[in-house]
Every structure is written in C-alpha cells, then in structure tokens.
Amino acid sequence: MAAEVGVRRLKNEASALIERVESGEVVTVTKRGRPVARLVPAAISPGMAELIAEGRIRWSGGKPATPEPVELEGRGKTAAEYVIEGR
C-alpha cells in the first residue's frame, strides 16, 4: 500500500512514517500536491537477509560495542622498532 504525505506532515510525523516504511510500505512525499520524493524500505542483500533469518546476526540500530583492549603476554618488538631496524 502506497501513501502520500505532504512535507508538513512528514516533518510532524517522521517517526511514525519511518515505522510504516520499515514495515514495507512506500510513502510518497508531496510538495503543494506534486510528488517530490519517495520513502522506500532499504534493500538488504540476500546474504544479509539469510543471516538475519537464521538468527545469526541482529542489529539494534546503535553503534557496535567496542571491546576492551587486551594486554599481550611477553614483550616483543614494536612496529616502530622493526621499521627502524630495517632502515
């Protein structure tokens, strides 16, 4: 089902309209009655869709968590030391 909304309504109801688009609906944005834009669901690659369907991946919409750095055991040469040694 396609819906038409004016720019003012888009501004006022953006979150609700985005939810409708997420569910698969196409929304046409009009300005003074003329279509100027379309909001369509984002395409997901077939491989990504398969991983989502299998429950192997999911995304909540936020940034991925950054793991804490780990301390390496032992002390080897640093990259800078290798570069200096090679000169």
C-alpha atoms as a PDB file:
ATOM      1  CA  MET A   1       0.000   0.000   0.000  1.00  0.00           C
ATOM      2  CA  ALA A   2       1.405   3.403  -1.003  1.00  0.00           C
ATOM      3  CA  ALA A   3       0.699   6.532   0.981  1.00  0.00           C
ATOM      4  CA  GLU A   4       1.024  10.204   0.054  1.00  0.00           C
ATOM      5  CA  VAL A   5       2.033  12.766   2.643  1.00  0.00           C
ATOM      6  CA  GLY A   6       2.815  16.439   2.426  1.00  0.00           C
ATOM      7  CA  VAL A   7       6.088  17.921   3.605  1.00  0.00           C
ATOM      8  CA  ARG A   8       4.456  19.422   6.715  1.00  0.00           C
ATOM      9  CA  ARG A   9       3.004  16.048   7.725  1.00  0.00           C
ATOM     10  CA  LEU A  10       6.377  14.425   7.076  1.00  0.00           C
ATOM     11  CA  LYS A  11       8.003  16.897   9.480  1.00  0.00           C
ATOM     12  CA  ASN A  12       5.361  16.335  12.149  1.00  0.00           C
ATOM     13  CA  GLU A  13       5.060  12.551  11.842  1.00  0.00           C
ATOM     14  CA  ALA A  14       8.526  11.484  10.687  1.00  0.00           C
ATOM     15  CA  SER A  15       8.964   8.704  13.256  1.00  0.00           C
ATOM     16  CA  ALA A  16       5.582   7.125  12.536  1.00  0.00           C
ATOM     17  CA  LEU A  17       6.141   7.333   8.777  1.00  0.00           C
ATOM     18  CA  ILE A  18       9.577   5.717   9.088  1.00  0.00           C
ATOM     19  CA  GLU A  19       7.983   2.859  11.035  1.00  0.00           C
ATOM     20  CA  ARG A  20       5.489   2.379   8.211  1.00  0.00           C
ATOM     21  CA  VAL A  21       8.330   2.293   5.678  1.00  0.00           C
ATOM     22  CA  GLU A  22      10.232  -0.208   7.836  1.00  0.00           C
ATOM     23  CA  SER A  23       7.201  -2.485   7.660  1.00  0.00           C
ATOM     24  CA  GLY A  24       7.358  -2.410   3.859  1.00  0.00           C
ATOM     25  CA  GLU A  25       5.115   0.490   2.883  1.00  0.00           C
ATOM     26  CA  VAL A  26       6.177   3.049   0.259  1.00  0.00           C
ATOM     27  CA  VAL A  27       5.474   6.689   1.157  1.00  0.00           C
ATOM     28  CA  THR A  28       5.379   9.425  -1.491  1.00  0.00           C
ATOM     29  CA  VAL A  29       6.227  12.908  -0.220  1.00  0.00           C
ATOM     30  CA  THR A  30       4.406  15.769  -1.924  1.00  0.00           C
ATOM     31  CA  LYS A  31       5.022  19.499  -2.020  1.00  0.00           C
ATOM     32  CA  ARG A  32       1.970  21.566  -2.975  1.00  0.00           C
ATOM     33  CA  GLY A  33       0.365  18.399  -4.301  1.00  0.00           C
ATOM     34  CA  ARG A  34       3.294  17.391  -6.550  1.00  0.00           C
ATOM     35  CA  PRO A  35       5.323  14.252  -5.740  1.00  0.00           C
ATOM     36  CA  VAL A  36       8.901  15.245  -4.853  1.00  0.00           C
ATOM     37  CA  ALA A  37      10.319  12.190  -3.070  1.00  0.00           C
ATOM     38  CA  ARG A  38       9.627   8.591  -2.124  1.00  0.00           C
ATOM     39  CA  LEU A  39      10.481   6.815   1.096  1.00  0.00           C
ATOM     40  CA  VAL A  40      11.101   3.138   0.415  1.00  0.00           C
ATOM     41  CA  PRO A  41      12.390   0.317   2.615  1.00  0.00           C
ATOM     42  CA  ALA A  42      16.165  -0.082   2.436  1.00  0.00           C
ATOM     43  CA  ALA A  43      17.275  -3.073   0.402  1.00  0.00           C
ATOM     44  CA  ILE A  44      19.074  -5.851   2.255  1.00  0.00           C
ATOM     45  CA  SER A  45      21.440  -8.102   0.358  1.00  0.00           C
ATOM     46  CA  PRO A  46      20.294 -11.733   0.020  1.00  0.00           C
ATOM     47  CA  GLY A  47      23.229 -12.939   2.123  1.00  0.00           C
ATOM     48  CA  MET A  48      22.435 -10.479   4.905  1.00  0.00           C
ATOM     49  CA  ALA A  49      18.736 -11.427   4.804  1.00  0.00           C
ATOM     50  CA  GLU A  50      19.683 -15.093   5.146  1.00  0.00           C
ATOM     51  CA  LEU A  51      21.875 -14.413   8.194  1.00  0.00           C
ATOM     52  CA  ILE A  52      19.089 -12.377   9.808  1.00  0.00           C
ATOM     53  CA  ALA A  53      16.517 -15.117   9.099  1.00  0.00           C
ATOM     54  CA  GLU A  54      18.817 -17.733  10.634  1.00  0.00           C
ATOM     55  CA  GLY A  55      19.212 -15.579  13.740  1.00  0.00           C
ATOM     56  CA  ARG A  56      22.970 -15.462  13.269  1.00  0.00           C
ATOM     57  CA  ILE A  57      23.083 -11.658  13.218  1.00  0.00           C
ATOM     58  CA  ARG A  58      20.941  -8.819  14.501  1.00  0.00           C
ATOM     59  CA  TRP A  59      21.257  -5.070  14.795  1.00  0.00           C
ATOM     60  CA  SER A  60      19.511  -2.834  17.278  1.00  0.00           C
ATOM     61  CA  GLY A  61      20.305   0.322  15.329  1.00  0.00           C
ATOM     62  CA  GLY A  62      23.083   1.516  17.636  1.00  0.00           C
ATOM     63  CA  LYS A  63      26.832   1.506  17.309  1.00  0.00           C
ATOM     64  CA  PRO A  64      28.522  -1.835  17.901  1.00  0.00           C
ATOM     65  CA  ALA A  65      30.159  -2.243  21.293  1.00  0.00           C
ATOM     66  CA  THR A  66      33.896  -1.719  21.278  1.00  0.00           C
ATOM     67  CA  PRO A  67      35.730  -4.476  23.127  1.00  0.00           C
ATOM     68  CA  GLU A  68      38.198  -3.547  25.829  1.00  0.00           C
ATOM     69  CA  PRO A  69      41.850  -3.741  24.750  1.00  0.00           C
ATOM     70  CA  VAL A  70      43.716  -6.823  25.917  1.00  0.00           C
ATOM     71  CA  GLU A  71      47.210  -6.944  27.318  1.00  0.00           C
ATOM     72  CA  LEU A  72      49.509  -9.160  25.316  1.00  0.00           C
ATOM     73  CA  GLU A  73      51.770 -11.517  27.171  1.00  0.00           C
ATOM     74  CA  GLY A  74      55.503 -11.103  26.731  1.00  0.00           C
ATOM     75  CA  ARG A  75      57.292  -8.193  25.176  1.00  0.00           C
ATOM     76  CA  GLY A  76      58.232  -8.311  21.524  1.00  0.00           C
ATOM     77  CA  LYS A  77      59.467  -5.560  19.289  1.00  0.00           C
ATOM     78  CA  THR A  78      57.105  -2.772  18.386  1.00  0.00           C
ATOM     79  CA  ALA A  79      56.276  -1.976  14.767  1.00  0.00           C
ATOM     80  CA  ALA A  80      58.387   1.170  15.062  1.00  0.00           C
ATOM     81  CA  GLU A  81      61.374  -0.882  16.218  1.00  0.00           C
ATOM     82  CA  TYR A  82      61.054  -3.155  13.172  1.00  0.00           C
ATOM     83  CA  VAL A  83      60.882  -0.131  10.857  1.00  0.00           C
ATOM     84  CA  ILE A  84      63.973   1.463  12.410  1.00  0.00           C
ATOM     85  CA  GLU A  85      65.811  -1.852  12.262  1.00  0.00           C
ATOM     86  CA  GLY A  86      65.005  -2.221   8.554  1.00  0.00           C
ATOM     87  CA  ARG A  87      66.451   1.188   7.624  1.00  0.00           C
END
